[in-house]
Amino acid sequence: MKLRSASKKVTSNLGDNEVVFVELETEINSGYGTEFVYDPQGEKTEPVRDVVGSVISSFPCNFSNVPQRLRTKRKRKFDEQEALSIPKKRLDSRVFDDYLKKIWKSFPEDKRRPFAYFDSLWFSLYRTASSKDKVLTWIKKEHIFSKAYVFVPIVCWSHWSLLIFCHFGVSLKSTTKSRCMLLLDSLEMANPRRFEPDIRRFVLDIYEAGDRPESKNLISRIPLLVPKVPQQRDGNECGNLVLYFIYSFLQRAPKNFTMKEYPYFMKKEWFTFEDFDGFCGRLDSLN
């Protein structure tokens, strides 16, 4: 039996801005206690579940049609600097990958040697059962366990975020390097950890496909950290911000770091909206 509830309006504060979202309708499946959220076009969004199957978030992530209006009380600030949002185009996966290749080629080979990156669709394809084995085969060819940092763009429900694998191939006895994952999300109010169950399954399968000696218990204890990063000023900036995060890591990430140093190597000057807007203005001219 399914019951359709009355519509409701969702309002949230994002720093100095108040974001008012359109009215949403929910549907409760009384047999399983799950909740689905309908967007204004009546399309059903999927719930987000934790590792035991409980729904932890049913917030719709199709931000192209969710925000209704943005009421700005004053200029938003990041790192004590005032910044006005310069309109950005929403990036699809093809455009995103083209820009990422340009960014990659703009760095000399010795600078990018400790890094690797995945195609922007690999994580989404992995979540599809029919494509899982193909994705793991592609990843195995990237030799990620010899890299210090691996960039994993995530695009889901039209929202971009960035997962970074850090020192996945180091020895547990290392005192200068720590294995961990960093999840950089420019919309923290949407709960970045909603992807954690899928991320942990993804990582476990990557280790197993790579014939690594680590046990499942050890892999499951790799920390997943969510550092503070700039929050998007509109519904279109997330893809550009992910490119900016990658560019900043390529420029400034240390060769080694330990958990004791986290997140202090990510200095405040890494991310400013002034620098971000300048970066976006240079994207098309990168060679």
Protein backbone atom coordinates (compact mmCIF):
# COMPACT_ATOMS: atom_id res chain seq x y z
CA MET A 1 0.00 0.00 0.00
CA LYS A 2 1.30 3.45 -0.92
CA LEU A 3 0.18 6.74 0.59
CA ARG A 4 0.84 10.11 -1.04
CA SER A 5 1.44 12.91 1.46
CA ALA A 6 0.66 16.58 1.08
CA SER A 7 3.28 18.75 -0.55
CA LYS A 8 5.85 20.53 1.58
CA LYS A 9 8.32 23.37 1.16
CA VAL A 10 11.99 22.91 2.07
CA THR A 11 14.02 25.90 3.23
CA SER A 12 17.69 25.90 4.17
CA ASN A 13 20.30 28.47 5.13
CA LEU A 14 23.59 28.40 3.22
CA GLY A 15 26.02 30.71 4.97
CA ASP A 16 24.80 34.27 4.45
CA ASN A 17 22.19 33.14 1.91
CA GLU A 18 18.77 31.67 2.42
CA VAL A 19 17.86 29.10 -0.21
CA VAL A 20 14.17 28.41 -0.71
CA PHE A 21 13.39 25.19 -2.52
CA VAL A 22 10.27 24.41 -4.46
CA GLU A 23 7.46 22.44 -2.90
CA LEU A 24 8.01 18.70 -2.94
CA GLU A 25 5.64 15.79 -2.62
CA THR A 26 6.54 12.60 -0.78
CA GLU A 27 5.28 9.08 -1.14
CA ILE A 28 5.48 6.60 1.73
CA ASN A 29 5.60 2.88 1.03
CA SER A 30 3.93 1.48 4.14
CA GLY A 31 5.26 -2.01 3.51
CA TYR A 32 8.90 -0.98 3.74
CA GLY A 33 8.82 2.42 5.41
CA THR A 34 10.81 4.03 2.61
CA GLU A 35 10.26 7.57 1.42
CA PHE A 36 10.58 8.90 -2.09
CA VAL A 37 10.63 12.57 -3.02
CA TYR A 38 8.98 13.89 -6.16
CA ASP A 39 10.42 16.86 -8.00
CA PRO A 40 8.14 19.54 -9.53
CA GLN A 41 7.85 17.54 -12.76
CA GLY A 42 6.55 14.56 -10.83
CA GLU A 43 9.71 12.49 -11.33
CA LYS A 44 10.58 10.19 -8.44
CA THR A 45 14.05 10.56 -6.97
CA GLU A 46 15.75 7.56 -5.38
CA PRO A 47 16.29 7.41 -1.62
CA VAL A 48 19.79 7.25 -0.15
CA ARG A 49 20.47 4.20 2.00
CA ASP A 50 23.17 3.35 4.47
CA VAL A 51 25.02 0.01 4.62
CA VAL A 52 22.15 -1.76 6.37
CA GLY A 53 19.51 -0.46 3.98
CA SER A 54 18.08 2.32 6.13
CA VAL A 55 17.11 5.52 4.36
CA ILE A 56 19.44 8.23 5.57
CA SER A 57 18.47 10.97 3.13
CA SER A 58 15.75 11.48 0.55
CA PHE A 59 16.91 14.98 -0.41
CA PRO A 60 16.64 15.38 -4.19
CA CYS A 61 20.01 16.07 -5.81
CA ASN A 62 18.85 17.26 -9.23
CA PHE A 63 19.85 20.84 -8.53
CA SER A 64 19.06 22.02 -12.03
CA ASN A 65 15.38 22.23 -11.14
CA VAL A 66 15.30 22.25 -7.35
CA PRO A 67 16.40 25.79 -6.37
CA GLN A 68 13.49 28.20 -6.80
CA ARG A 69 15.21 31.44 -5.87
CA LEU A 70 18.21 32.69 -3.94
CA ARG A 71 17.67 35.58 -1.53
CA THR A 72 21.03 37.19 -0.81
CA LYS A 73 21.25 39.11 2.45
CA ARG A 74 24.74 40.38 1.61
CA LYS A 75 27.81 39.37 -0.38
CA ARG A 76 28.97 35.89 0.52
CA LYS A 77 32.41 35.62 2.04
CA PHE A 78 35.05 32.92 1.95
CA ASP A 79 38.36 33.29 3.73
CA GLU A 80 37.56 36.89 4.64
CA GLN A 81 37.23 37.91 0.98
CA GLU A 82 34.06 39.29 -0.57
CA ALA A 83 32.97 37.62 -3.78
CA LEU A 84 30.03 37.94 -6.14
CA SER A 85 28.95 34.91 -8.11
CA ILE A 86 29.80 35.07 -11.80
CA PRO A 87 27.25 32.91 -13.69
CA LYS A 88 28.69 29.54 -14.77
CA LYS A 89 27.37 27.03 -17.25
CA ARG A 90 26.35 23.63 -15.93
CA LEU A 91 28.93 21.05 -17.03
CA ASP A 92 27.97 17.72 -18.55
CA SER A 93 30.39 14.80 -18.36
CA ARG A 94 31.81 15.35 -21.87
CA VAL A 95 32.65 19.01 -21.25
CA PHE A 96 33.96 18.18 -17.77
CA ASP A 97 36.33 15.52 -19.13
CA ASP A 98 37.54 17.84 -21.89
CA TYR A 99 38.41 20.51 -19.32
CA LEU A 100 40.06 17.94 -17.04
CA LYS A 101 42.31 16.78 -19.89
CA LYS A 102 43.30 20.41 -20.56
CA ILE A 103 44.12 20.94 -16.88
CA TRP A 104 46.15 17.72 -16.82
CA LYS A 105 48.19 18.64 -19.91
CA SER A 106 48.87 22.14 -18.55
CA PHE A 107 51.18 20.63 -15.89
CA PRO A 108 54.64 19.23 -16.73
CA GLU A 109 54.98 15.45 -16.67
CA ASP A 110 57.13 15.35 -13.55
CA LYS A 111 54.55 17.41 -11.66
CA ARG A 112 51.63 15.14 -12.52
CA ARG A 113 53.53 11.85 -12.13
CA PRO A 114 52.32 11.22 -8.51
CA PHE A 115 48.69 11.74 -9.63
CA ALA A 116 46.07 9.85 -11.61
CA TYR A 117 42.44 10.51 -12.41
CA PHE A 118 39.38 8.48 -13.38
CA ASP A 119 36.92 9.22 -16.14
CA SER A 120 34.00 11.17 -14.70
CA LEU A 121 31.50 8.39 -15.47
CA TRP A 122 33.40 5.45 -13.97
CA PHE A 123 31.93 5.76 -10.49
CA SER A 124 28.38 6.01 -11.85
CA LEU A 125 28.96 3.08 -14.21
CA TYR A 126 30.38 1.00 -11.34
CA ARG A 127 27.07 1.43 -9.52
CA THR A 128 25.36 -0.27 -12.49
CA ALA A 129 25.72 -4.04 -12.11
CA SER A 130 26.19 -4.68 -15.83
CA SER A 131 29.18 -2.30 -16.05
CA LYS A 132 30.90 -3.06 -12.75
CA ASP A 133 33.46 -5.58 -14.06
CA LYS A 134 34.38 -3.39 -17.03
CA VAL A 135 35.05 -0.40 -14.78
CA LEU A 136 37.27 -2.46 -12.47
CA THR A 137 39.24 -3.71 -15.49
CA TRP A 138 39.78 -0.12 -16.67
CA ILE A 139 40.90 0.98 -13.21
CA LYS A 140 43.38 -1.90 -12.92
CA LYS A 141 45.19 -0.51 -15.99
CA GLU A 142 45.73 2.83 -14.22
CA HIS A 143 48.17 1.35 -11.63
CA ILE A 144 46.71 3.56 -8.92
CA PHE A 145 48.61 1.86 -6.09
CA SER A 146 51.81 3.50 -7.32
CA LYS A 147 50.24 6.98 -7.11
CA ALA A 148 50.12 9.40 -4.19
CA TYR A 149 46.72 10.83 -5.16
CA VAL A 150 43.93 9.58 -7.41
CA PHE A 151 41.10 11.92 -8.41
CA VAL A 152 37.67 10.29 -8.68
CA PRO A 153 35.03 12.74 -9.97
CA ILE A 154 31.51 11.80 -8.89
CA VAL A 155 28.44 13.01 -10.75
CA CYS A 156 25.09 11.83 -9.42
CA TRP A 157 21.66 13.44 -9.73
CA SER A 158 23.31 16.27 -11.71
CA HIS A 159 25.60 17.21 -8.81
CA TRP A 160 29.41 17.02 -8.92
CA SER A 161 31.73 16.16 -6.03
CA LEU A 162 35.31 14.91 -5.82
CA LEU A 163 36.71 11.82 -4.11
CA ILE A 164 40.50 11.61 -3.69
CA PHE A 165 42.32 8.37 -2.86
CA CYS A 166 45.46 9.18 -0.88
CA HIS A 167 48.48 6.84 -0.59
CA PHE A 168 46.47 3.67 -1.31
CA GLY A 169 49.58 1.63 -2.01
CA VAL A 170 51.74 2.58 0.97
CA SER A 171 52.91 0.18 3.65
CA LEU A 172 51.05 0.21 6.94
CA LYS A 173 54.41 0.66 8.63
CA SER A 174 55.01 4.00 6.90
CA THR A 175 55.45 6.92 9.30
CA THR A 176 55.34 9.61 6.59
CA LYS A 177 52.26 8.59 4.60
CA SER A 178 48.72 7.68 5.65
CA ARG A 179 46.05 5.97 3.58
CA CYS A 180 42.79 7.89 3.55
CA MET A 181 40.06 9.23 1.31
CA LEU A 182 39.06 12.87 0.98
CA LEU A 183 35.54 13.75 -0.17
CA LEU A 184 35.24 17.36 -1.36
CA ASP A 185 31.66 18.54 -1.79
CA SER A 186 30.55 22.10 -2.51
CA LEU A 187 27.04 21.43 -1.16
CA GLU A 188 27.50 20.09 2.36
CA MET A 189 23.84 20.58 3.23
CA ALA A 190 23.05 17.70 0.83
CA ASN A 191 25.06 15.33 3.10
CA PRO A 192 28.29 14.30 1.29
CA ARG A 193 28.45 11.05 3.27
CA ARG A 194 25.38 9.77 1.44
CA PHE A 195 27.84 8.14 -0.99
CA GLU A 196 29.90 6.37 1.68
CA PRO A 197 28.35 2.87 1.30
CA ASP A 198 28.94 2.92 -2.47
CA ILE A 199 32.43 4.38 -2.03
CA ARG A 200 33.46 1.65 0.41
CA ARG A 201 32.17 -1.12 -1.86
CA PHE A 202 33.99 0.56 -4.77
CA VAL A 203 37.27 0.71 -2.86
CA LEU A 204 37.03 -2.89 -1.65
CA ASP A 205 36.45 -4.10 -5.21
CA ILE A 206 39.37 -2.00 -6.51
CA TYR A 207 41.71 -3.61 -3.96
CA GLU A 208 40.43 -7.11 -4.77
CA ALA A 209 40.67 -6.53 -8.54
CA GLY A 210 44.25 -5.35 -8.02
CA ASP A 211 45.17 -8.61 -6.24
CA ARG A 212 46.29 -6.66 -3.20
CA PRO A 213 47.22 -8.44 0.06
CA GLU A 214 45.16 -6.15 2.34
CA SER A 215 42.32 -7.78 4.25
CA LYS A 216 38.70 -6.64 3.97
CA ASN A 217 38.85 -5.46 7.57
CA LEU A 218 41.84 -3.26 6.85
CA ILE A 219 40.28 -1.78 3.71
CA SER A 220 37.04 -1.05 5.55
CA ARG A 221 38.95 1.04 8.09
CA ILE A 222 40.49 3.45 5.59
CA PRO A 223 39.26 6.85 6.87
CA LEU A 224 36.82 8.81 4.71
CA LEU A 225 37.32 12.50 5.54
CA VAL A 226 35.18 15.46 4.49
CA PRO A 227 37.31 18.64 4.58
CA LYS A 228 35.80 22.12 4.54
CA VAL A 229 35.78 23.55 1.02
CA PRO A 230 34.07 26.54 -0.64
CA GLN A 231 30.32 26.14 -0.98
CA GLN A 232 28.71 26.83 -4.32
CA ARG A 233 26.90 30.11 -4.77
CA ASP A 234 24.33 28.81 -7.25
CA GLY A 235 23.13 25.57 -8.80
CA ASN A 236 25.68 25.50 -11.62
CA GLU A 237 29.07 25.88 -9.93
CA CYS A 238 29.63 22.35 -8.60
CA GLY A 239 31.33 20.96 -11.72
CA ASN A 240 33.62 23.97 -12.06
CA LEU A 241 34.49 23.75 -8.36
CA VAL A 242 35.50 20.10 -8.72
CA LEU A 243 37.84 21.08 -11.58
CA TYR A 244 39.21 23.86 -9.36
CA PHE A 245 39.81 21.41 -6.50
CA ILE A 246 41.76 19.11 -8.84
CA TYR A 247 43.78 22.03 -10.22
CA SER A 248 44.60 23.21 -6.68
CA PHE A 249 45.72 19.71 -5.63
CA LEU A 250 47.95 19.38 -8.65
CA GLN A 251 49.53 22.71 -7.73
CA ARG A 252 49.87 22.43 -3.97
CA ALA A 253 49.41 18.93 -2.56
CA PRO A 254 52.40 17.67 -0.55
CA LYS A 255 54.25 14.57 -1.72
CA ASN A 256 53.53 12.92 1.62
CA PHE A 257 51.27 13.55 4.57
CA THR A 258 50.12 11.72 7.66
CA MET A 259 46.79 11.79 9.46
CA LYS A 260 48.40 13.91 12.16
CA GLU A 261 48.86 16.63 9.56
CA TYR A 262 45.30 16.50 8.21
CA PRO A 263 43.77 18.84 7.15
CA TYR A 264 46.47 21.42 7.78
CA PHE A 265 48.20 20.91 4.44
CA MET A 266 45.04 22.32 2.84
CA LYS A 267 45.86 25.94 3.56
CA LYS A 268 43.22 28.67 3.56
CA GLU A 269 44.83 30.33 0.59
CA TRP A 270 44.20 27.21 -1.50
CA PHE A 271 40.61 28.22 -2.17
CA THR A 272 39.29 31.75 -2.75
CA PHE A 273 36.38 32.77 -4.90
CA GLU A 274 38.52 35.42 -6.57
CA ASP A 275 41.02 32.74 -7.62
CA PHE A 276 38.18 30.36 -8.56
CA ASP A 277 36.53 32.91 -10.86
CA GLY A 278 39.90 33.64 -12.47
CA PHE A 279 40.48 29.91 -12.94
CA CYS A 280 37.10 29.51 -14.68
CA GLY A 281 37.93 32.42 -16.96
CA ARG A 282 41.16 30.67 -18.04
CA LEU A 283 39.70 27.22 -18.67
CA ASP A 284 38.98 27.68 -22.36
CA SER A 285 42.47 29.03 -23.04
CA LEU A 286 44.32 26.12 -21.43
CA ASN A 287 46.39 24.05 -23.84
